[in-house]
Amino acid sequence: MNSETPSGAPRYPDYPKPPFPKQTQQLPGSFRLLEPAPDHGEESWRGAGRLEGMVALITGGDSGIGRAVAIAYAREGADVALSFLEEREDATDTARLVTDCGRRCLQLPGDIADPAHCRDIVKRVVDEFGRIDILVNNAAHQDTFDSLEEIPDEEWQRTFAVNIHAMFYLAKAAVPHMQPGASIINTASINADSPSPSLLAYATTKGAIQNYTGGLAQLLAEKGIRVNCVAPGPVWTPLIPASMSAEKTSQFGANYPMKRPAQPVELASAYVMLAEPMSSYVSGATIAVTGGKPLI
């Protein structure tokens, strides 16, 4: 929510701060069950044609950061393909917001932990739209554990399969369909620099994503394809109550300088900036959106 001065000038957003109601969800979670309701830019994002005529593939595009990016991209003029794990109302509603702005939307349910599915969704996007201009590798899996012994082998493997292996498969499939000026944007995390011990697998993959981004940016520079990542701090998404205790969820973000988590819409501007043609010399960068907490 954005408050306004009497003159109508926008003011600093007055977003909710902890404590939040104690709550849990089953993975992967739904934004419709979050309390308070998250802001993805449904009412606030105003486009300016910064991505006019482009085609974007967004993983984890049904909720959280991915939903906010999908809304912003569509309102900036891009057609959007949404990749997500399960067919649910979250994806249907996000697709509705994309088409409400006159943009085309392709829904791509399925598990990106499967390399064949990664290749298939890229093919479907190219078949539908003819090309890919922006690949947003945003989908993530996490769960919390208090000790090393508690982490199942399968949990470690799945976290890597979703969070980092899929980025390789998707980029490898997408790059042949990208022209100079195209962009790959990966979602890293403050955990890449300040790992939370209870999120050992997740934090390890986020460090890998940051390194992968820097290497891939150099590898693709001669093709004119830029590669960057966004490193969020705490963000109010369904992944939080779906992977943390009710007590931790109620205090989520309270230990950051702004004393609250980000709303998903507050991340969207970074993804738009990294995708737009005016950022043509930005590659290999990590954009921190961490509410005042510096990356180490």
Protein backbone atom coordinates (compact mmCIF):
# COMPACT_ATOMS: atom_id res chain seq x y z
CA MET A 1 0.00 0.00 0.00
CA ASN A 2 1.27 3.48 -0.81
CA SER A 3 0.15 6.45 1.26
CA GLU A 4 0.02 9.89 -0.35
CA THR A 5 0.64 13.44 0.78
CA PRO A 6 -2.24 15.95 0.58
CA SER A 7 -0.78 17.22 -2.69
CA GLY A 8 -0.99 13.73 -4.20
CA ALA A 9 2.77 13.17 -4.30
CA PRO A 10 3.72 9.53 -3.54
CA ARG A 11 5.20 8.81 -0.14
CA TYR A 12 7.33 6.04 1.25
CA PRO A 13 5.29 2.80 1.17
CA ASP A 14 3.71 1.83 4.46
CA TYR A 15 4.02 -1.95 4.20
CA PRO A 16 3.19 -4.37 7.06
CA LYS A 17 5.79 -5.16 9.69
CA PRO A 18 6.07 -8.17 12.00
CA PRO A 19 4.64 -9.65 14.06
CA PHE A 20 2.43 -11.35 11.47
CA PRO A 21 -0.26 -13.93 12.25
CA LYS A 22 1.27 -17.33 12.95
CA GLN A 23 0.69 -19.48 9.87
CA THR A 24 2.00 -22.44 7.91
CA GLN A 25 1.32 -23.87 4.45
CA GLN A 26 2.23 -26.96 2.48
CA LEU A 27 4.96 -26.56 -0.15
CA PRO A 28 4.90 -24.91 -2.65
CA GLY A 29 2.31 -22.64 -0.97
CA SER A 30 -0.16 -20.09 -2.32
CA PHE A 31 -0.13 -16.30 -2.14
CA ARG A 32 -3.91 -16.37 -1.66
CA LEU A 33 -3.45 -17.92 1.81
CA LEU A 34 -0.86 -15.41 3.04
CA GLU A 35 -1.86 -13.05 5.86
CA PRO A 36 -1.31 -10.18 5.38
CA ALA A 37 -1.90 -10.39 1.64
CA PRO A 38 1.27 -9.68 -0.39
CA ASP A 39 1.57 -6.80 -2.86
CA HIS A 40 2.71 -7.94 -6.30
CA GLY A 41 1.96 -4.62 -7.99
CA GLU A 42 -1.58 -5.53 -8.95
CA GLU A 43 -2.76 -1.97 -8.25
CA SER A 44 0.48 -0.01 -8.14
CA TRP A 45 2.67 -0.90 -11.15
CA ARG A 46 2.36 1.58 -14.00
CA GLY A 47 4.15 0.63 -17.20
CA ALA A 48 6.15 2.92 -19.46
CA GLY A 49 6.84 0.68 -22.46
CA ARG A 50 10.34 -0.26 -21.31
CA LEU A 51 10.02 -3.84 -22.63
CA GLU A 52 7.72 -3.18 -25.57
CA GLY A 53 7.41 -6.15 -27.94
CA MET A 54 9.71 -8.45 -25.98
CA VAL A 55 9.07 -12.08 -24.93
CA ALA A 56 9.88 -13.25 -21.40
CA LEU A 57 9.97 -16.72 -19.85
CA ILE A 58 9.67 -16.58 -16.05
CA THR A 59 10.08 -19.65 -13.84
CA GLY A 60 8.16 -19.62 -10.59
CA GLY A 61 5.93 -17.10 -12.33
CA ASP A 62 2.68 -17.92 -10.58
CA SER A 63 3.35 -16.30 -7.21
CA GLY A 64 5.83 -14.32 -5.14
CA ILE A 65 8.63 -12.51 -6.96
CA GLY A 66 7.78 -14.27 -10.23
CA ARG A 67 4.20 -13.00 -10.17
CA ALA A 68 5.38 -9.45 -9.48
CA VAL A 69 7.86 -9.65 -12.36
CA ALA A 70 5.19 -11.05 -14.70
CA ILE A 71 2.83 -8.18 -13.89
CA ALA A 72 5.56 -5.58 -14.35
CA TYR A 73 6.85 -7.10 -17.59
CA ALA A 74 3.36 -7.28 -19.10
CA ARG A 75 2.62 -3.68 -18.17
CA GLU A 76 5.98 -2.69 -19.68
CA GLY A 77 4.88 -4.27 -22.98
CA ALA A 78 6.23 -7.84 -22.93
CA ASP A 79 4.47 -11.10 -23.73
CA VAL A 80 4.98 -13.54 -20.86
CA ALA A 81 5.38 -17.31 -20.49
CA LEU A 82 4.80 -18.53 -16.94
CA SER A 83 6.56 -21.67 -15.73
CA PHE A 84 5.25 -23.11 -12.44
CA LEU A 85 5.07 -26.41 -10.62
CA GLU A 86 1.34 -27.10 -10.30
CA GLU A 87 -1.82 -25.91 -12.03
CA ARG A 88 -3.54 -23.78 -9.41
CA GLU A 89 -5.55 -20.60 -9.12
CA ASP A 90 -2.35 -18.62 -8.46
CA ALA A 91 -1.12 -19.22 -12.02
CA THR A 92 -4.54 -18.64 -13.57
CA ASP A 93 -4.88 -15.31 -11.79
CA THR A 94 -1.37 -14.18 -12.77
CA ALA A 95 -2.08 -15.08 -16.40
CA ARG A 96 -5.30 -13.06 -16.22
CA LEU A 97 -3.39 -9.96 -15.10
CA VAL A 98 -0.97 -10.40 -18.00
CA THR A 99 -3.72 -10.69 -20.61
CA ASP A 100 -5.68 -7.84 -19.01
CA CYS A 101 -2.92 -5.52 -20.26
CA GLY A 102 -3.32 -6.78 -23.81
CA ARG A 103 -0.28 -9.06 -23.70
CA ARG A 104 -0.14 -12.74 -24.57
CA CYS A 105 0.46 -15.31 -21.82
CA LEU A 106 1.52 -18.95 -22.05
CA GLN A 107 1.11 -21.18 -18.98
CA LEU A 108 3.70 -23.95 -18.55
CA PRO A 109 3.01 -26.23 -15.57
CA GLY A 110 5.56 -28.88 -14.64
CA ASP A 111 8.71 -29.63 -12.66
CA ILE A 112 11.88 -27.86 -13.81
CA ALA A 113 13.89 -30.37 -11.78
CA ASP A 114 13.42 -32.52 -14.89
CA PRO A 115 15.91 -31.54 -17.65
CA ALA A 116 13.52 -32.75 -20.35
CA HIS A 117 10.79 -30.44 -19.03
CA CYS A 118 13.22 -27.50 -19.13
CA ARG A 119 13.94 -28.17 -22.78
CA ASP A 120 10.25 -28.68 -23.53
CA ILE A 121 9.09 -25.37 -22.06
CA VAL A 122 11.71 -23.46 -24.02
CA LYS A 123 10.53 -25.19 -27.20
CA ARG A 124 6.91 -24.34 -26.40
CA VAL A 125 7.78 -20.66 -25.85
CA VAL A 126 9.66 -20.50 -29.15
CA ASP A 127 6.82 -22.30 -30.96
CA GLU A 128 4.30 -19.84 -29.51
CA PHE A 129 6.21 -16.56 -29.71
CA GLY A 130 9.05 -17.21 -32.16
CA ARG A 131 11.88 -16.25 -29.81
CA ILE A 132 12.94 -15.54 -26.22
CA ASP A 133 14.24 -12.09 -25.25
CA ILE A 134 14.28 -12.48 -21.45
CA LEU A 135 14.82 -15.60 -19.36
CA VAL A 136 14.09 -15.10 -15.65
CA ASN A 137 15.35 -18.06 -13.63
CA ASN A 138 13.38 -17.41 -10.48
CA ALA A 139 11.82 -20.69 -9.25
CA ALA A 140 13.28 -22.03 -6.02
CA HIS A 141 12.86 -24.78 -3.45
CA GLN A 142 13.82 -24.47 0.20
CA ASP A 143 13.19 -26.12 3.53
CA THR A 144 14.62 -25.56 6.99
CA PHE A 145 16.53 -28.04 9.16
CA ASP A 146 18.19 -27.53 12.54
CA SER A 147 21.03 -30.00 12.02
CA LEU A 148 23.05 -31.54 9.22
CA GLU A 149 21.85 -35.02 10.16
CA GLU A 150 18.22 -34.03 9.60
CA ILE A 151 18.69 -33.12 5.92
CA PRO A 152 17.59 -36.06 3.73
CA ASP A 153 19.72 -36.87 0.71
CA GLU A 154 16.62 -36.39 -1.46
CA GLU A 155 16.08 -32.88 -0.06
CA TRP A 156 19.66 -31.86 -0.87
CA GLN A 157 19.35 -33.26 -4.39
CA ARG A 158 15.98 -31.65 -5.07
CA THR A 159 17.16 -28.24 -3.88
CA PHE A 160 20.07 -28.35 -6.31
CA ALA A 161 17.92 -29.73 -9.14
CA VAL A 162 15.37 -26.91 -8.88
CA ASN A 163 17.55 -24.01 -7.83
CA ILE A 164 20.69 -24.33 -9.95
CA HIS A 165 20.64 -27.33 -12.31
CA ALA A 166 17.47 -26.06 -14.00
CA MET A 167 19.16 -22.73 -14.72
CA PHE A 168 21.79 -24.57 -16.75
CA TYR A 169 19.27 -26.62 -18.72
CA LEU A 170 17.01 -23.63 -19.42
CA ALA A 171 19.83 -21.33 -20.49
CA LYS A 172 21.39 -24.01 -22.70
CA ALA A 173 18.03 -24.52 -24.44
CA ALA A 174 17.13 -20.82 -24.66
CA VAL A 175 20.38 -19.21 -25.84
CA PRO A 176 20.14 -20.53 -29.44
CA HIS A 177 16.83 -18.64 -29.71
CA MET A 178 18.15 -15.37 -28.23
CA GLN A 179 19.38 -12.41 -30.25
CA PRO A 180 21.92 -9.75 -29.23
CA GLY A 181 20.26 -7.60 -26.59
CA ALA A 182 18.61 -10.57 -24.88
CA SER A 183 18.94 -11.01 -21.14
CA ILE A 184 19.13 -13.79 -18.56
CA ILE A 185 18.24 -12.80 -15.00
CA ASN A 186 18.78 -15.24 -12.13
CA THR A 187 17.34 -14.95 -8.64
CA ALA A 188 20.11 -15.39 -6.08
CA SER A 189 19.74 -14.36 -2.41
CA ILE A 190 21.44 -12.57 0.45
CA ASN A 191 22.08 -16.15 1.57
CA ALA A 192 24.76 -16.34 -1.13
CA ASP A 193 26.88 -13.99 1.01
CA SER A 194 25.35 -14.48 4.47
CA PRO A 195 24.19 -18.10 4.58
CA SER A 196 21.56 -19.10 7.11
CA PRO A 197 22.63 -22.38 8.74
CA SER A 198 19.05 -23.68 8.87
CA LEU A 199 18.83 -23.20 5.07
CA LEU A 200 22.08 -25.01 4.28
CA ALA A 201 21.02 -26.57 0.96
CA TYR A 202 19.18 -23.45 -0.24
CA ALA A 203 22.00 -21.08 0.74
CA THR A 204 24.58 -23.27 -0.97
CA THR A 205 22.63 -23.19 -4.24
CA LYS A 206 22.30 -19.42 -4.01
CA GLY A 207 26.07 -19.08 -3.76
CA ALA A 208 26.33 -21.31 -6.82
CA ILE A 209 23.83 -19.10 -8.69
CA GLN A 210 25.89 -16.00 -8.06
CA ASN A 211 29.03 -17.73 -9.35
CA TYR A 212 27.15 -19.22 -12.31
CA THR A 213 25.87 -15.76 -13.22
CA GLY A 214 29.36 -14.25 -13.30
CA GLY A 215 30.77 -17.06 -15.42
CA LEU A 216 27.86 -17.21 -17.85
CA ALA A 217 27.95 -13.42 -18.33
CA GLN A 218 31.51 -13.74 -19.61
CA LEU A 219 30.70 -16.78 -21.73
CA LEU A 220 27.77 -15.08 -23.50
CA ALA A 221 29.18 -11.56 -23.84
CA GLU A 222 30.30 -12.08 -27.44
CA LYS A 223 26.77 -13.15 -28.36
CA GLY A 224 25.43 -9.86 -26.97
CA ILE A 225 23.43 -11.68 -24.28
CA ARG A 226 23.61 -10.17 -20.82
CA VAL A 227 23.46 -12.24 -17.60
CA ASN A 228 22.77 -10.77 -14.17
CA CYS A 229 21.25 -11.78 -10.86
CA VAL A 230 19.10 -10.20 -8.19
CA ALA A 231 19.91 -10.98 -4.55
CA PRO A 232 16.79 -10.44 -2.43
CA GLY A 233 16.69 -10.27 1.32
CA PRO A 234 13.53 -11.48 3.07
CA VAL A 235 10.47 -11.33 0.78
CA TRP A 236 6.87 -12.01 1.82
CA THR A 237 6.04 -15.00 -0.42
CA PRO A 238 4.27 -18.35 0.06
CA LEU A 239 7.65 -20.08 0.37
CA ILE A 240 8.04 -18.59 3.86
CA PRO A 241 5.10 -20.20 5.74
CA ALA A 242 5.54 -23.30 3.55
CA SER A 243 9.13 -23.86 4.70
CA MET A 244 9.39 -22.22 8.13
CA SER A 245 7.70 -22.65 11.48
CA ALA A 246 4.71 -20.50 12.39
CA GLU A 247 6.84 -18.71 14.99
CA LYS A 248 9.61 -17.85 12.52
CA THR A 249 7.04 -16.76 9.94
CA SER A 250 5.43 -14.37 12.42
CA GLN A 251 8.77 -12.56 12.91
CA PHE A 252 9.99 -12.82 9.32
CA GLY A 253 12.12 -9.82 8.31
CA ALA A 254 12.07 -8.19 11.76
CA ASN A 255 15.87 -8.46 12.11
CA TYR A 256 16.56 -6.39 8.94
CA PRO A 257 17.21 -2.63 9.04
CA MET A 258 13.74 -1.80 7.68
CA LYS A 259 12.21 -4.12 10.31
CA ARG A 260 10.08 -5.93 7.74
CA PRO A 261 10.26 -8.20 4.70
CA ALA A 262 10.01 -6.83 1.18
CA GLN A 263 6.77 -7.09 -0.71
CA PRO A 264 7.23 -8.86 -4.07
CA VAL A 265 6.50 -5.67 -6.02
CA GLU A 266 9.55 -4.05 -4.43
CA LEU A 267 11.75 -6.53 -6.34
CA ALA A 268 10.13 -5.99 -9.73
CA SER A 269 11.96 -2.77 -10.60
CA ALA A 270 15.33 -4.55 -10.44
CA TYR A 271 14.17 -7.20 -12.91
CA VAL A 272 12.77 -4.56 -15.27
CA MET A 273 15.97 -2.53 -15.13
CA LEU A 274 18.14 -5.57 -15.88
CA ALA A 275 15.95 -6.59 -18.83
CA GLU A 276 15.46 -3.24 -20.54
CA PRO A 277 17.68 -2.29 -23.52
CA MET A 278 18.96 0.85 -21.76
CA SER A 279 20.92 -1.44 -19.39
CA SER A 280 23.03 -2.71 -22.29
CA TYR A 281 26.35 -2.49 -20.38
CA VAL A 282 25.09 -4.18 -17.21
CA SER A 283 26.21 -7.82 -17.19
CA GLY A 284 27.71 -10.06 -14.55
CA ALA A 285 26.14 -7.90 -11.84
CA THR A 286 24.41 -8.79 -8.60
CA ILE A 287 21.67 -6.33 -7.65
CA ALA A 288 21.03 -6.44 -3.91
CA VAL A 289 17.46 -5.76 -2.76
CA THR A 290 17.96 -6.35 0.93
CA GLY A 291 16.22 -3.59 2.89
CA GLY A 292 19.45 -1.94 4.02
CA LYS A 293 21.47 -5.03 4.96
CA PRO A 294 24.70 -4.99 2.91
CA LEU A 295 26.02 -8.00 1.06
CA ILE A 296 29.34 -9.11 2.49
